[in-house]
Amino acid sequence: MITENETYYEIDPFFQSDLEIEVNELLSSSKYNNKPIEIVKMRFGLGEYDIPYTWDDIASELDLTPMRCKQSFSNVIRDLKRKNLN
């Protein structure tokens, strides 16, 4: 799903399960609804998504704009980083 011209995140398989656990913990928090978490899962190819998706693919799948997907993704990643720093 990722085109040659688009950058995506390759995850070391060693860290993939940790990331999935962190994303699932965020999913259970009341701060986020399902869309931002689904965006992260789709972008990284986690859970039921076997391969990383492009921003355009994510946007069309979730009926959002690519820019909105990027914003939501950034917010979740920022919160994951903050959580890991504490």
Protein backbone atom coordinates (compact mmCIF):
# COMPACT_ATOMS: atom_id res chain seq x y z
CA MET A 1 0.00 0.00 0.00
CA ILE A 2 2.95 2.37 0.45
CA THR A 3 4.16 3.98 -2.77
CA GLU A 4 7.81 4.54 -3.63
CA ASN A 5 7.49 8.28 -3.10
CA GLU A 6 6.02 8.07 0.38
CA THR A 7 7.96 7.55 3.56
CA TYR A 8 6.63 5.03 6.05
CA TYR A 9 7.79 3.69 9.34
CA GLU A 10 9.53 0.35 9.40
CA ILE A 11 9.31 -1.26 12.79
CA ASP A 12 11.86 -3.69 14.08
CA PRO A 13 9.89 -6.89 14.81
CA PHE A 14 11.47 -6.90 18.27
CA PHE A 15 9.66 -3.64 19.13
CA GLN A 16 6.44 -4.27 17.21
CA SER A 17 4.73 -6.19 20.02
CA ASP A 18 5.67 -3.46 22.52
CA LEU A 19 4.19 -0.83 20.23
CA GLU A 20 1.02 -2.87 19.83
CA ILE A 21 0.71 -3.12 23.62
CA GLU A 22 1.20 0.65 24.02
CA VAL A 23 -1.35 1.42 21.29
CA ASN A 24 -3.86 -0.95 22.87
CA GLU A 25 -3.37 0.74 26.25
CA LEU A 26 -4.11 4.09 24.63
CA LEU A 27 -7.16 2.56 23.01
CA SER A 28 -8.51 1.65 26.42
CA SER A 29 -7.95 5.17 27.73
CA SER A 30 -10.87 7.55 27.53
CA LYS A 31 -8.80 10.25 25.83
CA TYR A 32 -9.07 8.80 22.33
CA ASN A 33 -11.91 7.46 20.29
CA ASN A 34 -11.12 4.60 17.91
CA LYS A 35 -10.16 6.63 14.82
CA PRO A 36 -6.78 7.99 16.01
CA ILE A 37 -5.79 4.55 17.25
CA GLU A 38 -6.88 2.95 13.98
CA ILE A 39 -4.80 5.54 12.11
CA VAL A 40 -1.69 4.50 14.06
CA LYS A 41 -2.40 0.81 13.55
CA MET A 42 -2.94 1.30 9.83
CA ARG A 43 0.14 3.50 9.41
CA PHE A 44 2.43 1.02 11.18
CA GLY A 45 0.66 -2.12 9.92
CA LEU A 46 -0.27 -3.30 13.42
CA GLY A 47 -3.00 -5.63 14.58
CA GLU A 48 -5.42 -6.61 11.84
CA TYR A 49 -3.51 -4.45 9.32
CA ASP A 50 -0.76 -6.61 7.88
CA ILE A 51 0.98 -3.88 5.91
CA PRO A 52 1.55 -0.14 6.44
CA TYR A 53 -1.02 2.08 4.71
CA THR A 54 -0.40 5.40 2.96
CA TRP A 55 -2.00 8.57 4.27
CA ASP A 56 -4.33 8.58 1.25
CA ASP A 57 -5.39 4.98 1.88
CA ILE A 58 -6.02 5.67 5.55
CA ALA A 59 -7.98 8.82 4.74
CA SER A 60 -10.22 7.08 2.23
CA GLU A 61 -10.78 4.11 4.53
CA LEU A 62 -11.78 6.30 7.51
CA ASP A 63 -13.50 9.07 5.52
CA LEU A 64 -11.03 11.76 6.63
CA THR A 65 -8.57 14.03 4.88
CA PRO A 66 -4.92 12.91 4.73
CA MET A 67 -3.95 16.02 6.74
CA ARG A 68 -6.41 15.14 9.51
CA CYS A 69 -4.99 11.62 9.61
CA LYS A 70 -1.47 13.02 10.01
CA GLN A 71 -2.60 15.33 12.82
CA SER A 72 -4.30 12.52 14.71
CA PHE A 73 -1.28 10.27 14.18
CA SER A 74 1.06 12.96 15.52
CA ASN A 75 -1.08 13.45 18.62
CA VAL A 76 -1.07 9.76 19.48
CA ILE A 77 2.67 9.41 18.85
CA ARG A 78 3.34 12.51 20.99
CA ASP A 79 1.33 10.99 23.84
CA LEU A 80 3.16 7.67 23.50
CA LYS A 81 6.50 9.47 23.72
CA ARG A 82 5.39 11.45 26.79
CA LYS A 83 4.13 8.29 28.45
CA ASN A 84 7.46 6.54 27.87
CA LEU A 85 9.44 9.49 29.25
CA ASN A 86 7.55 9.43 32.55
